[in-house]
Amino acid sequence: MARSKSNNVQINISIPMEWKTELENLARIYSVEEGKTITFIDLMRRGIQEKYQLGEQDE
């Protein structure tokens, strides 16, 4: 997921610890499947992109 730094906005959110734990577990599985490191934050970005049908930004 290529993102241009000049167009990024940082936000702070709070999620239940159980969600974070589940997302971390899923991220480990995706990392193995995709052969690269995936973080729980990457999964959240993907979920938002998919839910709202947002396109990826090229650098």
N, C-alpha and C. Protein backbone atom coordinates (compact mmCIF):
# COMPACT_ATOMS: atom_id res chain seq x y z
N MET A 1 0.83 -1.17 0.00
CA MET A 1 0.00 0.00 0.00
C MET A 1 0.89 1.24 0.00
N ALA A 2 1.06 1.85 -1.14
CA ALA A 2 1.86 3.05 -1.24
C ALA A 2 1.05 4.26 -0.77
N ARG A 3 1.65 5.03 0.11
CA ARG A 3 0.98 6.22 0.62
C ARG A 3 1.94 7.40 0.53
N SER A 4 1.46 8.50 0.05
CA SER A 4 2.25 9.72 -0.03
C SER A 4 2.26 10.40 1.33
N LYS A 5 3.45 10.66 1.86
CA LYS A 5 3.55 11.27 3.19
C LYS A 5 2.87 12.64 3.24
N SER A 6 2.95 13.40 2.16
CA SER A 6 2.40 14.75 2.19
C SER A 6 0.88 14.75 2.29
N ASN A 7 0.23 13.64 1.95
CA ASN A 7 -1.23 13.59 1.99
C ASN A 7 -1.77 12.82 3.20
N ASN A 8 -0.91 12.34 4.06
CA ASN A 8 -1.35 11.56 5.21
C ASN A 8 -1.79 12.45 6.36
N VAL A 9 -2.75 11.93 7.11
CA VAL A 9 -3.22 12.59 8.32
C VAL A 9 -3.15 11.56 9.43
N GLN A 10 -2.61 11.94 10.57
CA GLN A 10 -2.52 11.03 11.70
C GLN A 10 -3.73 11.22 12.59
N ILE A 11 -4.34 10.09 12.98
CA ILE A 11 -5.46 10.15 13.92
C ILE A 11 -5.18 9.18 15.06
N ASN A 12 -5.78 9.45 16.18
CA ASN A 12 -5.66 8.56 17.34
C ASN A 12 -7.03 7.97 17.61
N ILE A 13 -7.06 6.64 17.75
CA ILE A 13 -8.32 5.97 18.07
C ILE A 13 -8.09 5.04 19.25
N SER A 14 -9.16 4.65 19.84
CA SER A 14 -9.12 3.70 20.94
C SER A 14 -9.97 2.49 20.55
N ILE A 15 -9.38 1.29 20.67
CA ILE A 15 -10.12 0.06 20.39
C ILE A 15 -9.97 -0.86 21.59
N PRO A 16 -10.91 -1.76 21.78
CA PRO A 16 -10.79 -2.71 22.89
C PRO A 16 -9.53 -3.58 22.73
N MET A 17 -8.92 -3.92 23.84
CA MET A 17 -7.70 -4.73 23.83
C MET A 17 -7.93 -6.06 23.10
N GLU A 18 -9.13 -6.63 23.23
CA GLU A 18 -9.44 -7.89 22.57
C GLU A 18 -9.37 -7.75 21.05
N TRP A 19 -9.82 -6.62 20.52
CA TRP A 19 -9.75 -6.37 19.08
C TRP A 19 -8.29 -6.32 18.63
N LYS A 20 -7.49 -5.59 19.40
CA LYS A 20 -6.07 -5.46 19.05
C LYS A 20 -5.40 -6.82 19.05
N THR A 21 -5.70 -7.63 20.03
CA THR A 21 -5.11 -8.97 20.12
C THR A 21 -5.51 -9.80 18.91
N GLU A 22 -6.79 -9.76 18.55
CA GLU A 22 -7.26 -10.52 17.38
C GLU A 22 -6.63 -10.00 16.09
N LEU A 23 -6.53 -8.68 15.96
CA LEU A 23 -5.90 -8.10 14.77
C LEU A 23 -4.43 -8.49 14.69
N GLU A 24 -3.73 -8.52 15.81
CA GLU A 24 -2.33 -8.94 15.81
C GLU A 24 -2.19 -10.39 15.38
N ASN A 25 -3.10 -11.24 15.85
CA ASN A 25 -3.07 -12.65 15.44
C ASN A 25 -3.32 -12.78 13.94
N LEU A 26 -4.31 -12.06 13.43
CA LEU A 26 -4.59 -12.08 11.99
C LEU A 26 -3.40 -11.54 11.20
N ALA A 27 -2.76 -10.50 11.71
CA ALA A 27 -1.61 -9.92 11.01
C ALA A 27 -0.47 -10.93 10.89
N ARG A 28 -0.26 -11.74 11.92
CA ARG A 28 0.77 -12.79 11.84
C ARG A 28 0.45 -13.79 10.74
N ILE A 29 -0.82 -14.16 10.64
CA ILE A 29 -1.25 -15.12 9.61
C ILE A 29 -1.06 -14.50 8.22
N TYR A 30 -1.50 -13.27 8.04
CA TYR A 30 -1.34 -12.59 6.75
C TYR A 30 0.14 -12.43 6.40
N SER A 31 0.98 -12.15 7.39
CA SER A 31 2.41 -12.00 7.15
C SER A 31 3.00 -13.27 6.56
N VAL A 32 2.63 -14.41 7.11
CA VAL A 32 3.12 -15.69 6.61
C VAL A 32 2.59 -15.94 5.20
N GLU A 33 1.29 -15.72 5.01
CA GLU A 33 0.68 -15.96 3.70
C GLU A 33 1.25 -15.07 2.61
N GLU A 34 1.51 -13.80 2.93
CA GLU A 34 1.97 -12.85 1.93
C GLU A 34 3.49 -12.77 1.84
N GLY A 35 4.18 -13.39 2.78
CA GLY A 35 5.64 -13.39 2.75
C GLY A 35 6.28 -12.05 3.05
N LYS A 36 5.55 -11.19 3.77
CA LYS A 36 6.08 -9.90 4.20
C LYS A 36 5.40 -9.51 5.49
N THR A 37 6.02 -8.60 6.21
CA THR A 37 5.48 -8.18 7.50
C THR A 37 4.22 -7.34 7.32
N ILE A 38 3.15 -7.78 7.96
CA ILE A 38 1.88 -7.06 7.98
C ILE A 38 1.59 -6.74 9.45
N THR A 39 1.23 -5.49 9.72
CA THR A 39 0.92 -5.11 11.10
C THR A 39 -0.60 -5.02 11.28
N PHE A 40 -1.03 -4.96 12.51
CA PHE A 40 -2.46 -4.83 12.76
C PHE A 40 -2.96 -3.49 12.23
N ILE A 41 -2.11 -2.48 12.18
CA ILE A 41 -2.47 -1.19 11.61
C ILE A 41 -2.72 -1.33 10.10
N ASP A 42 -1.87 -2.13 9.42
CA ASP A 42 -2.07 -2.38 7.99
C ASP A 42 -3.44 -3.02 7.75
N LEU A 43 -3.82 -3.95 8.62
CA LEU A 43 -5.12 -4.60 8.47
C LEU A 43 -6.26 -3.61 8.68
N MET A 44 -6.10 -2.69 9.61
CA MET A 44 -7.13 -1.67 9.83
C MET A 44 -7.25 -0.78 8.60
N ARG A 45 -6.11 -0.39 8.02
CA ARG A 45 -6.13 0.43 6.80
C ARG A 45 -6.85 -0.31 5.68
N ARG A 46 -6.52 -1.60 5.50
CA ARG A 46 -7.14 -2.40 4.46
C ARG A 46 -8.65 -2.50 4.67
N GLY A 47 -9.05 -2.69 5.90
CA GLY A 47 -10.48 -2.79 6.21
C GLY A 47 -11.22 -1.51 5.88
N ILE A 48 -10.63 -0.37 6.22
CA ILE A 48 -11.25 0.92 5.92
C ILE A 48 -11.31 1.13 4.41
N GLN A 49 -10.21 0.80 3.73
CA GLN A 49 -10.18 0.94 2.27
C GLN A 49 -11.28 0.12 1.61
N GLU A 50 -11.39 -1.13 2.05
CA GLU A 50 -12.38 -2.03 1.46
C GLU A 50 -13.80 -1.58 1.79
N LYS A 51 -14.05 -1.25 3.03
CA LYS A 51 -15.38 -0.85 3.47
C LYS A 51 -15.89 0.36 2.69
N TYR A 52 -15.02 1.33 2.50
CA TYR A 52 -15.42 2.58 1.86
C TYR A 52 -14.97 2.69 0.41
N GLN A 53 -14.50 1.58 -0.13
CA GLN A 53 -14.06 1.50 -1.53
C GLN A 53 -13.14 2.64 -1.91
N LEU A 54 -12.12 2.83 -1.10
CA LEU A 54 -11.14 3.90 -1.35
C LEU A 54 -10.01 3.37 -2.21
N GLY A 55 -9.55 4.16 -3.14
CA GLY A 55 -8.44 3.77 -3.99
C GLY A 55 -7.12 3.99 -3.26
N GLU A 56 -6.09 3.31 -3.75
CA GLU A 56 -4.75 3.51 -3.18
C GLU A 56 -4.12 4.74 -3.81
N GLN A 57 -3.31 5.42 -3.02
CA GLN A 57 -2.60 6.60 -3.53
C GLN A 57 -1.22 6.17 -3.97
N ASP A 58 -0.79 6.63 -5.13
CA ASP A 58 0.58 6.35 -5.61
C ASP A 58 1.50 7.42 -5.09
N GLU A 59 2.76 7.01 -4.82
CA GLU A 59 3.74 7.99 -4.35
C GLU A 59 4.20 8.85 -5.49
